[in-house]
């Protein structure tokens, strides 16, 4: 009574016609240029790297690759112009930092930037150490650290 039977005429798999496959391929081919248009760097890897290295100076909430505002577009145009003049990334960085201060950098330089990369790994390491210590305590028979709110005094005392 609990088993549902499926009639034999019901198709087990849905076959995709050739026309549907061709349509899918045509849609994919024509949608690829839209992805390049949506990217402010236009598919140029160097520009993508540079745009993602600097914050948008209007609100400081997104990098130049993601943000769309007049100030961000102006800075992207300045960077494109410097790239067209064959300036190095270091020269471009010096010009942009001189104009907007170090706040423009998406990832800080020096010890602050190194610390931002180091902190997640330290948290992972501390988590692994905590798990290893807990497993060793459980295997050796030592009771794990109690999280109970009661104390020995409360348990022994006679409260009426």
Protein backbone atom coordinates (compact mmCIF):
# COMPACT_ATOMS: atom_id res chain seq x y z
CA UNK A 1 0.00 0.00 0.00
CA UNK A 2 2.93 2.35 0.70
CA UNK A 3 4.67 1.67 -2.63
CA UNK A 4 3.87 4.00 -5.51
CA UNK A 5 4.05 2.38 -8.88
CA UNK A 6 5.03 4.39 -11.93
CA UNK A 7 3.32 3.48 -15.19
CA UNK A 8 5.63 1.99 -17.82
CA UNK A 9 4.72 4.69 -20.31
CA UNK A 10 6.29 7.37 -18.08
CA UNK A 11 9.70 8.34 -19.52
CA UNK A 12 12.53 7.71 -17.09
CA UNK A 13 14.86 10.29 -18.59
CA UNK A 14 14.11 13.44 -20.51
CA UNK A 15 15.91 13.60 -23.78
CA UNK A 16 17.10 16.98 -24.98
CA UNK A 17 16.51 17.58 -28.65
CA UNK A 18 19.28 18.77 -30.94
CA UNK A 19 17.49 22.08 -31.44
CA UNK A 20 17.52 22.72 -27.68
CA UNK A 21 21.24 21.96 -27.48
CA UNK A 22 21.99 24.32 -30.37
CA UNK A 23 19.90 27.03 -28.74
CA UNK A 24 21.83 26.60 -25.47
CA UNK A 25 25.16 26.91 -27.30
CA UNK A 26 24.02 30.04 -29.18
CA UNK A 27 22.87 31.69 -25.95
CA UNK A 28 26.22 30.88 -24.28
CA UNK A 29 28.24 32.28 -27.19
CA UNK A 30 26.27 35.52 -27.32
CA UNK A 31 26.34 36.01 -23.54
CA UNK A 32 30.16 35.92 -23.31
CA UNK A 33 30.62 39.48 -24.63
CA UNK A 34 28.18 40.70 -21.98
CA UNK A 35 30.55 39.40 -19.30
CA UNK A 36 33.43 41.37 -20.82
CA UNK A 37 31.29 44.50 -21.00
CA UNK A 38 30.31 44.18 -17.33
CA UNK A 39 33.99 44.01 -16.33
CA UNK A 40 35.49 47.53 -16.16
CA UNK A 41 38.89 46.11 -17.03
CA UNK A 42 37.57 44.70 -20.29
CA UNK A 43 39.30 41.37 -19.71
CA UNK A 44 42.78 42.89 -19.33
CA UNK A 45 44.43 40.98 -16.48
CA UNK A 46 46.79 43.80 -15.53
CA UNK A 47 43.93 46.29 -15.29
CA UNK A 48 41.87 43.79 -13.28
CA UNK A 49 44.76 43.41 -10.81
CA UNK A 50 45.25 47.17 -10.57
CA UNK A 51 41.53 47.92 -10.21
CA UNK A 52 41.17 45.33 -7.47
CA UNK A 53 44.17 46.83 -5.63
CA UNK A 54 42.54 50.22 -5.02
CA UNK A 55 39.39 51.21 -3.15
CA UNK A 56 36.77 53.49 -4.67
CA UNK A 57 37.56 57.00 -3.36
CA UNK A 58 33.92 58.09 -3.13
CA UNK A 59 32.78 55.88 -0.25
CA UNK A 60 35.70 53.48 0.46
CA UNK A 61 33.34 50.47 0.42
CA UNK A 62 34.45 48.57 -2.66
CA UNK A 63 37.40 48.29 -4.97
CA UNK A 64 37.51 49.89 -8.41
CA UNK A 65 36.70 46.61 -10.12
CA UNK A 66 33.38 46.30 -8.26
CA UNK A 67 32.30 49.88 -7.66
CA UNK A 68 30.45 52.05 -10.14
CA UNK A 69 30.53 55.76 -9.39
CA UNK A 70 31.84 58.85 -11.18
CA UNK A 71 34.90 59.11 -8.93
CA UNK A 72 35.69 55.41 -9.39
CA UNK A 73 35.33 55.79 -13.17
CA UNK A 74 37.62 58.83 -13.09
CA UNK A 75 40.31 56.92 -11.19
CA UNK A 76 39.94 53.94 -13.55
CA UNK A 77 40.46 56.32 -16.49
CA UNK A 78 43.60 57.74 -14.84
CA UNK A 79 44.95 54.22 -14.28
CA UNK A 80 44.15 53.23 -17.88
CA UNK A 81 46.00 56.32 -19.09
CA UNK A 82 49.07 55.48 -16.98
CA UNK A 83 49.01 51.88 -18.25
CA UNK A 84 48.82 53.23 -21.83
CA UNK A 85 51.89 55.36 -21.04
CA UNK A 86 53.71 52.12 -20.08
CA UNK A 87 54.15 53.07 -16.42
CA UNK A 88 55.00 50.27 -14.04
CA UNK A 89 52.62 49.09 -11.31
CA UNK A 90 54.89 50.63 -8.68
CA UNK A 91 54.80 54.02 -10.44
CA UNK A 92 51.01 53.86 -10.71
CA UNK A 93 50.76 52.94 -7.04
CA UNK A 94 53.01 55.86 -6.05
CA UNK A 95 50.87 58.32 -8.02
CA UNK A 96 47.56 56.99 -6.68
CA UNK A 97 48.79 56.88 -3.06
CA UNK A 98 50.23 60.39 -3.35
CA UNK A 99 46.86 61.67 -4.58
CA UNK A 100 44.50 59.75 -2.26
CA UNK A 101 46.70 58.63 0.71
CA UNK A 102 47.38 55.06 1.82
CA UNK A 103 43.67 54.59 2.53
CA UNK A 104 43.15 53.97 -1.19
CA UNK A 105 44.97 50.62 -0.97
CA UNK A 106 42.62 47.64 -0.78
CA UNK A 107 45.29 45.68 1.08
CA UNK A 108 47.67 47.67 3.28
CA UNK A 109 51.41 47.52 2.73
CA UNK A 110 53.98 46.40 5.25
CA UNK A 111 53.26 44.76 8.61
CA UNK A 112 49.55 45.63 8.56
CA UNK A 113 49.04 43.76 5.28
CA UNK A 114 51.11 40.82 6.50
CA UNK A 115 49.04 40.69 9.69
CA UNK A 116 45.82 40.52 7.68
CA UNK A 117 47.09 37.38 5.96
CA UNK A 118 48.48 35.90 9.18
CA UNK A 119 45.46 36.25 11.49
CA UNK A 120 43.19 33.65 9.79
CA UNK A 121 45.99 31.08 9.84
CA UNK A 122 46.60 31.75 13.53
CA UNK A 123 42.92 31.23 14.28
CA UNK A 124 42.93 27.94 12.36
CA UNK A 125 46.08 26.82 14.21
CA UNK A 126 44.55 27.66 17.60
CA UNK A 127 41.40 25.75 16.64
CA UNK A 128 43.42 22.67 15.66
CA UNK A 129 45.38 22.85 18.93
CA UNK A 130 42.13 23.10 20.93
CA UNK A 131 40.68 20.07 19.12
CA UNK A 132 43.86 18.02 19.68
CA UNK A 133 43.94 18.88 23.40
CA UNK A 134 40.25 18.00 23.77
CA UNK A 135 40.70 14.66 22.00
CA UNK A 136 43.74 13.80 24.18
CA UNK A 137 41.80 14.66 27.34
CA UNK A 138 38.86 12.52 26.28
CA UNK A 139 41.08 9.54 25.40
CA UNK A 140 43.12 9.71 28.61
CA UNK A 141 40.02 9.65 30.82
CA UNK A 142 40.45 13.14 32.21
CA UNK A 143 37.09 14.82 32.41
CA UNK A 144 36.68 17.63 29.94
CA UNK A 145 36.49 21.16 31.23
CA UNK A 146 33.12 21.59 32.93
CA UNK A 147 30.78 24.21 31.63
CA UNK A 148 28.30 23.67 34.45
CA UNK A 149 27.12 26.72 36.35
CA UNK A 150 26.95 24.85 39.66
CA UNK A 151 29.92 24.76 42.01
CA UNK A 152 31.04 22.13 44.52
CA UNK A 153 29.78 24.34 47.36
CA UNK A 154 26.28 24.44 45.93
CA UNK A 155 26.20 20.69 45.41
CA UNK A 156 27.38 19.85 48.94
CA UNK A 157 25.37 22.46 50.79
CA UNK A 158 21.98 21.85 52.33
CA UNK A 159 19.64 24.48 50.99
CA UNK A 160 16.08 24.45 52.26
